[in-house]
Amino acid sequence: MAPDSNCDGGLETTTDRTVDERAGRVVVSYPADLSKWGRFQVEKPSFRAFLCKTREEAVEGDRWEEFVGVGCCGNTLDVPLRVERVEGGPRIAEDTEIAYEVRDACGLEGSWRVQSQGGPGRA
């Protein structure tokens, strides 16, 4: 399991939301067949901060298809993330902790092959 991290930035608190609605911790999973490079990308503090800045809420079962980069020379890699658990309310705030789990493989093709001619062909 990847280390936990608080978000570096977040959504500003609005007067119509209370502290009770904040998510204290959000556990997000990625597929077991995500490459080492892909795991490095999603587990970086900057990617966790990105999730906090681009997601207002998290609900168990939510699926987020996130672009993680192209590497040095190639094709895009989109990673299917899934919200496994939310501790507290649904609202993601700057102090929400983002944690990762690994789930079953899903046929994701994302390693150096995603960037090479021998990689996955997409119509």
N, C-alpha and C. Protein backbone atom coordinates (compact mmCIF):
# COMPACT_ATOMS: atom_id res chain seq x y z
N MET A 1 0.84 -1.17 0.00
CA MET A 1 0.00 0.00 0.00
C MET A 1 0.89 1.24 0.00
N ALA A 2 0.50 2.24 -0.70
CA ALA A 2 1.27 3.47 -0.82
C ALA A 2 1.11 4.30 0.45
N PRO A 3 2.08 5.16 0.75
CA PRO A 3 1.96 6.01 1.93
C PRO A 3 0.82 7.01 1.75
N ASP A 4 0.27 7.41 2.90
CA ASP A 4 -0.81 8.39 2.90
C ASP A 4 -0.22 9.79 2.80
N SER A 5 -1.04 10.72 2.36
CA SER A 5 -0.58 12.09 2.22
C SER A 5 -1.76 13.04 2.32
N ASN A 6 -1.55 14.16 2.97
CA ASN A 6 -2.56 15.21 2.96
C ASN A 6 -2.41 16.01 1.69
N CYS A 7 -3.49 16.61 1.26
CA CYS A 7 -3.45 17.44 0.07
C CYS A 7 -2.75 18.75 0.38
N ASP A 8 -1.95 19.22 -0.56
CA ASP A 8 -1.22 20.47 -0.36
C ASP A 8 -2.11 21.69 -0.52
N GLY A 9 -3.13 21.58 -1.29
CA GLY A 9 -4.05 22.69 -1.50
C GLY A 9 -5.42 22.09 -1.57
N GLY A 10 -6.41 22.90 -1.60
CA GLY A 10 -7.74 22.33 -1.67
C GLY A 10 -8.75 23.38 -2.00
N LEU A 11 -9.96 23.00 -1.83
CA LEU A 11 -11.05 23.92 -2.10
C LEU A 11 -11.25 24.82 -0.89
N GLU A 12 -11.58 26.05 -1.15
CA GLU A 12 -11.83 26.96 -0.06
C GLU A 12 -13.11 26.57 0.66
N THR A 13 -13.13 26.80 1.95
CA THR A 13 -14.32 26.52 2.72
C THR A 13 -15.39 27.53 2.37
N THR A 14 -16.59 27.07 2.13
CA THR A 14 -17.69 27.98 1.86
C THR A 14 -18.58 28.05 3.08
N THR A 15 -19.30 29.13 3.22
CA THR A 15 -20.12 29.33 4.41
C THR A 15 -21.29 28.38 4.48
N ASP A 16 -21.70 27.79 3.37
CA ASP A 16 -22.84 26.88 3.41
C ASP A 16 -22.43 25.43 3.66
N ARG A 17 -21.17 25.17 3.89
CA ARG A 17 -20.69 23.81 4.19
C ARG A 17 -20.13 23.80 5.61
N THR A 18 -20.31 22.70 6.28
CA THR A 18 -19.78 22.59 7.63
C THR A 18 -18.60 21.64 7.65
N VAL A 19 -17.85 21.69 8.74
CA VAL A 19 -16.70 20.81 8.91
C VAL A 19 -17.14 19.35 8.86
N ASP A 20 -18.34 19.04 9.34
CA ASP A 20 -18.83 17.67 9.37
C ASP A 20 -18.96 17.05 7.98
N GLU A 21 -19.04 17.86 6.94
CA GLU A 21 -19.18 17.34 5.59
C GLU A 21 -17.84 17.00 4.95
N ARG A 22 -16.75 17.36 5.59
CA ARG A 22 -15.43 17.13 5.02
C ARG A 22 -15.03 15.67 5.11
N ALA A 23 -14.34 15.21 4.09
CA ALA A 23 -13.75 13.88 4.11
C ALA A 23 -12.42 13.97 4.86
N GLY A 24 -12.28 13.20 5.90
CA GLY A 24 -11.00 13.16 6.61
C GLY A 24 -9.97 12.36 5.84
N ARG A 25 -10.47 11.29 5.20
CA ARG A 25 -9.58 10.40 4.45
C ARG A 25 -10.36 9.80 3.29
N VAL A 26 -9.73 9.76 2.13
CA VAL A 26 -10.31 9.14 0.94
C VAL A 26 -9.33 8.07 0.47
N VAL A 27 -9.81 6.83 0.36
CA VAL A 27 -8.98 5.73 -0.12
C VAL A 27 -9.37 5.47 -1.57
N VAL A 28 -8.38 5.60 -2.45
CA VAL A 28 -8.57 5.44 -3.88
C VAL A 28 -7.74 4.24 -4.33
N SER A 29 -8.29 3.43 -5.24
CA SER A 29 -7.52 2.28 -5.73
C SER A 29 -7.17 2.47 -7.19
N TYR A 30 -6.08 1.80 -7.56
CA TYR A 30 -5.69 1.70 -8.97
C TYR A 30 -5.45 0.22 -9.27
N PRO A 31 -5.53 -0.16 -10.54
CA PRO A 31 -5.41 -1.58 -10.90
C PRO A 31 -3.99 -2.13 -10.70
N ALA A 32 -3.92 -3.41 -10.36
CA ALA A 32 -2.64 -4.08 -10.10
C ALA A 32 -1.72 -4.06 -11.30
N ASP A 33 -2.29 -3.98 -12.50
CA ASP A 33 -1.44 -3.99 -13.69
C ASP A 33 -0.99 -2.60 -14.12
N LEU A 34 -1.17 -1.60 -13.28
CA LEU A 34 -0.61 -0.28 -13.55
C LEU A 34 0.91 -0.40 -13.45
N SER A 35 1.61 0.13 -14.43
CA SER A 35 3.07 0.01 -14.47
C SER A 35 3.73 0.72 -13.30
N LYS A 36 4.99 0.39 -13.10
CA LYS A 36 5.78 1.05 -12.04
C LYS A 36 5.82 2.56 -12.29
N TRP A 37 5.98 2.96 -13.54
CA TRP A 37 5.99 4.39 -13.89
C TRP A 37 4.63 5.02 -13.58
N GLY A 38 3.54 4.33 -13.92
CA GLY A 38 2.20 4.84 -13.64
C GLY A 38 1.95 4.99 -12.16
N ARG A 39 2.40 4.02 -11.37
CA ARG A 39 2.26 4.10 -9.91
C ARG A 39 3.03 5.29 -9.36
N PHE A 40 4.23 5.47 -9.88
CA PHE A 40 5.04 6.62 -9.46
C PHE A 40 4.27 7.92 -9.72
N GLN A 41 3.61 8.01 -10.86
CA GLN A 41 2.88 9.22 -11.22
C GLN A 41 1.71 9.49 -10.28
N VAL A 42 0.88 8.48 -10.02
CA VAL A 42 -0.31 8.72 -9.20
C VAL A 42 0.02 8.88 -7.72
N GLU A 43 1.14 8.33 -7.27
CA GLU A 43 1.48 8.41 -5.86
C GLU A 43 2.27 9.67 -5.49
N LYS A 44 2.64 10.46 -6.49
CA LYS A 44 3.38 11.70 -6.21
C LYS A 44 2.52 12.69 -5.43
N PRO A 45 3.13 13.46 -4.54
CA PRO A 45 2.37 14.49 -3.82
C PRO A 45 1.66 15.47 -4.76
N SER A 46 2.27 15.78 -5.90
CA SER A 46 1.64 16.72 -6.83
C SER A 46 0.36 16.14 -7.43
N PHE A 47 0.30 14.82 -7.65
CA PHE A 47 -0.91 14.21 -8.19
C PHE A 47 -2.00 14.16 -7.12
N ARG A 48 -1.62 13.89 -5.88
CA ARG A 48 -2.59 13.92 -4.78
C ARG A 48 -3.18 15.33 -4.64
N ALA A 49 -2.33 16.34 -4.76
CA ALA A 49 -2.81 17.73 -4.69
C ALA A 49 -3.73 18.03 -5.87
N PHE A 50 -3.40 17.49 -7.04
CA PHE A 50 -4.25 17.65 -8.23
C PHE A 50 -5.64 17.09 -7.97
N LEU A 51 -5.72 15.90 -7.36
CA LEU A 51 -7.02 15.32 -7.06
C LEU A 51 -7.82 16.22 -6.12
N CYS A 52 -7.15 16.79 -5.13
CA CYS A 52 -7.84 17.67 -4.18
C CYS A 52 -8.34 18.95 -4.85
N LYS A 53 -7.60 19.42 -5.82
CA LYS A 53 -7.98 20.67 -6.50
C LYS A 53 -9.05 20.45 -7.56
N THR A 54 -9.15 19.26 -8.10
CA THR A 54 -10.07 19.02 -9.21
C THR A 54 -11.32 18.24 -8.81
N ARG A 55 -11.35 17.72 -7.62
CA ARG A 55 -12.50 16.95 -7.13
C ARG A 55 -13.11 17.67 -5.93
N GLU A 56 -14.37 17.95 -6.01
CA GLU A 56 -15.05 18.59 -4.89
C GLU A 56 -15.53 17.57 -3.88
N GLU A 57 -15.95 16.41 -4.37
CA GLU A 57 -16.49 15.39 -3.49
C GLU A 57 -16.02 14.02 -3.90
N ALA A 58 -16.08 13.10 -2.95
CA ALA A 58 -15.76 11.70 -3.21
C ALA A 58 -16.82 10.85 -2.53
N VAL A 59 -17.36 9.91 -3.28
CA VAL A 59 -18.35 8.98 -2.76
C VAL A 59 -17.88 7.57 -3.10
N GLU A 60 -18.01 6.65 -2.17
CA GLU A 60 -17.60 5.28 -2.42
C GLU A 60 -18.20 4.77 -3.72
N GLY A 61 -17.34 4.20 -4.56
CA GLY A 61 -17.77 3.68 -5.86
C GLY A 61 -17.53 4.64 -7.01
N ASP A 62 -17.24 5.91 -6.71
CA ASP A 62 -16.93 6.85 -7.80
C ASP A 62 -15.78 6.31 -8.61
N ARG A 63 -15.83 6.52 -9.93
CA ARG A 63 -14.74 6.14 -10.83
C ARG A 63 -14.22 7.40 -11.50
N TRP A 64 -12.92 7.57 -11.43
CA TRP A 64 -12.26 8.73 -12.01
C TRP A 64 -11.24 8.24 -13.02
N GLU A 65 -11.40 8.62 -14.27
CA GLU A 65 -10.43 8.30 -15.31
C GLU A 65 -9.47 9.48 -15.36
N GLU A 66 -8.24 9.29 -14.94
CA GLU A 66 -7.29 10.39 -14.82
C GLU A 66 -6.10 10.21 -15.75
N PHE A 67 -5.76 11.26 -16.44
CA PHE A 67 -4.58 11.33 -17.30
C PHE A 67 -3.36 11.52 -16.40
N VAL A 68 -2.36 10.68 -16.57
CA VAL A 68 -1.18 10.81 -15.72
C VAL A 68 0.07 11.22 -16.47
N GLY A 69 0.01 11.34 -17.78
CA GLY A 69 1.18 11.83 -18.50
C GLY A 69 1.49 11.01 -19.73
N VAL A 70 2.54 11.44 -20.41
CA VAL A 70 2.97 10.76 -21.63
C VAL A 70 4.38 10.20 -21.51
N GLY A 71 5.00 10.36 -20.39
CA GLY A 71 6.37 9.90 -20.28
C GLY A 71 7.29 10.76 -21.11
N CYS A 72 8.38 10.19 -21.57
CA CYS A 72 9.37 10.99 -22.28
C CYS A 72 9.12 11.07 -23.78
N CYS A 73 8.33 10.15 -24.33
CA CYS A 73 8.31 10.13 -25.78
C CYS A 73 7.07 9.48 -26.37
N GLY A 74 5.96 9.51 -25.68
CA GLY A 74 4.94 8.67 -26.27
C GLY A 74 3.50 9.04 -26.06
N ASN A 75 2.75 8.02 -25.89
CA ASN A 75 1.31 8.07 -25.87
C ASN A 75 0.79 8.40 -24.47
N THR A 76 -0.46 8.77 -24.39
CA THR A 76 -1.04 9.12 -23.10
C THR A 76 -1.36 7.87 -22.29
N LEU A 77 -1.38 8.03 -20.97
CA LEU A 77 -1.78 6.97 -20.07
C LEU A 77 -2.89 7.50 -19.19
N ASP A 78 -4.08 6.94 -19.35
CA ASP A 78 -5.22 7.27 -18.51
C ASP A 78 -5.39 6.13 -17.52
N VAL A 79 -5.54 6.48 -16.25
CA VAL A 79 -5.64 5.48 -15.19
C VAL A 79 -7.04 5.50 -14.60
N PRO A 80 -7.69 4.34 -14.54
CA PRO A 80 -9.00 4.27 -13.91
C PRO A 80 -8.86 4.15 -12.40
N LEU A 81 -9.17 5.23 -11.70
CA LEU A 81 -9.14 5.23 -10.24
C LEU A 81 -10.55 4.97 -9.73
N ARG A 82 -10.65 4.34 -8.57
CA ARG A 82 -11.95 4.08 -7.97
C ARG A 82 -11.90 4.46 -6.49
N VAL A 83 -12.91 5.17 -6.02
CA VAL A 83 -13.00 5.53 -4.61
C VAL A 83 -13.49 4.30 -3.86
N GLU A 84 -12.65 3.80 -2.95
CA GLU A 84 -12.98 2.60 -2.19
C GLU A 84 -13.67 2.92 -0.87
N ARG A 85 -13.19 3.96 -0.19
CA ARG A 85 -13.76 4.36 1.10
C ARG A 85 -13.61 5.85 1.30
N VAL A 86 -14.57 6.42 1.99
CA VAL A 86 -14.51 7.82 2.39
C VAL A 86 -14.79 7.86 3.88
N GLU A 87 -13.86 8.42 4.63
CA GLU A 87 -14.04 8.57 6.07
C GLU A 87 -14.45 10.00 6.33
N GLY A 88 -15.63 10.18 6.89
CA GLY A 88 -16.18 11.51 7.11
C GLY A 88 -17.18 11.82 6.01
N GLY A 89 -17.40 13.09 5.78
CA GLY A 89 -18.34 13.51 4.75
C GLY A 89 -17.75 13.41 3.36
N PRO A 90 -18.52 13.78 2.35
CA PRO A 90 -18.06 13.62 0.97
C PRO A 90 -17.16 14.74 0.44
N ARG A 91 -17.12 15.88 1.12
CA ARG A 91 -16.41 17.04 0.56
C ARG A 91 -14.91 16.92 0.76
N ILE A 92 -14.16 17.05 -0.33
CA ILE A 92 -12.70 17.02 -0.28
C ILE A 92 -12.22 18.43 0.08
N ALA A 93 -11.37 18.51 1.09
CA ALA A 93 -10.83 19.78 1.57
C ALA A 93 -9.31 19.70 1.60
N GLU A 94 -8.68 20.82 1.91
CA GLU A 94 -7.21 20.85 1.88
C GLU A 94 -6.58 19.90 2.89
N ASP A 95 -7.28 19.56 3.95
CA ASP A 95 -6.72 18.64 4.94
C ASP A 95 -7.20 17.20 4.75
N THR A 96 -7.85 16.91 3.63
CA THR A 96 -8.26 15.54 3.34
C THR A 96 -7.03 14.69 3.02
N GLU A 97 -6.95 13.55 3.65
CA GLU A 97 -5.85 12.61 3.41
C GLU A 97 -6.21 11.73 2.22
N ILE A 98 -5.31 11.58 1.28
CA ILE A 98 -5.50 10.70 0.13
C ILE A 98 -4.61 9.48 0.32
N ALA A 99 -5.21 8.30 0.30
CA ALA A 99 -4.46 7.05 0.43
C ALA A 99 -4.79 6.16 -0.77
N TYR A 100 -3.88 5.24 -1.08
CA TYR A 100 -4.06 4.36 -2.23
C TYR A 100 -4.10 2.90 -1.80
N GLU A 101 -4.84 2.11 -2.57
CA GLU A 101 -4.85 0.66 -2.48
C GLU A 101 -4.69 0.13 -3.90
N VAL A 102 -4.28 -1.12 -3.99
CA VAL A 102 -4.19 -1.78 -5.28
C VAL A 102 -5.36 -2.75 -5.39
N ARG A 103 -6.06 -2.73 -6.52
CA ARG A 103 -7.17 -3.66 -6.75
C ARG A 103 -6.81 -4.63 -7.87
N ASP A 104 -7.72 -5.52 -8.21
CA ASP A 104 -7.48 -6.50 -9.27
C ASP A 104 -7.09 -5.81 -10.58
N ALA A 105 -6.28 -6.53 -11.34
CA ALA A 105 -5.87 -6.03 -12.67
C ALA A 105 -7.09 -5.89 -13.57
N CYS A 106 -7.00 -4.98 -14.54
CA CYS A 106 -8.14 -4.74 -15.44
C CYS A 106 -7.73 -4.71 -16.91
N GLY A 107 -6.53 -5.19 -17.22
CA GLY A 107 -6.10 -5.18 -18.61
C GLY A 107 -5.49 -3.85 -19.04
N LEU A 108 -5.08 -3.05 -18.09
CA LEU A 108 -4.47 -1.76 -18.38
C LEU A 108 -3.11 -1.98 -19.02
N GLU A 109 -2.87 -1.34 -20.13
CA GLU A 109 -1.58 -1.46 -20.81
C GLU A 109 -0.82 -0.17 -20.62
N GLY A 110 0.01 -0.13 -19.61
CA GLY A 110 0.72 1.10 -19.33
C GLY A 110 2.11 0.88 -18.80
N SER A 111 3.05 0.69 -19.64
CA SER A 111 4.46 0.61 -19.27
C SER A 111 5.21 1.29 -20.41
N TRP A 112 6.45 0.93 -20.64
CA TRP A 112 7.15 1.52 -21.78
C TRP A 112 6.45 1.15 -23.08
N ARG A 113 5.71 0.02 -23.08
CA ARG A 113 5.00 -0.38 -24.28
C ARG A 113 3.95 0.65 -24.69
N VAL A 114 3.40 1.39 -23.74
CA VAL A 114 2.40 2.39 -24.09
C VAL A 114 3.03 3.50 -24.94
N GLN A 115 4.37 3.58 -24.87
CA GLN A 115 5.07 4.64 -25.58
C GLN A 115 5.81 4.13 -26.81
N SER A 116 5.63 2.86 -27.15
CA SER A 116 6.41 2.33 -28.26
C SER A 116 5.51 1.85 -29.39
N GLN A 117 6.12 1.60 -30.51
CA GLN A 117 5.39 1.13 -31.68
C GLN A 117 4.77 -0.25 -31.40
N GLY A 118 5.38 -1.02 -30.55
CA GLY A 118 4.86 -2.33 -30.21
C GLY A 118 3.78 -2.28 -29.15
N GLY A 119 3.41 -1.09 -28.72
CA GLY A 119 2.42 -0.92 -27.67
C GLY A 119 1.01 -1.13 -28.14
N PRO A 120 0.07 -0.81 -27.29
CA PRO A 120 -1.34 -1.06 -27.61
C PRO A 120 -1.80 -0.24 -28.82
N GLY A 121 -2.53 -0.87 -29.69
CA GLY A 121 -3.10 -0.18 -30.85
C GLY A 121 -4.49 0.31 -30.53
N ARG A 122 -4.76 1.54 -30.79
CA ARG A 122 -6.08 2.09 -30.52
C ARG A 122 -6.63 2.69 -31.80
N ALA A 123 -7.87 2.37 -32.09
CA ALA A 123 -8.49 2.87 -33.31
C ALA A 123 -8.95 4.30 -33.12
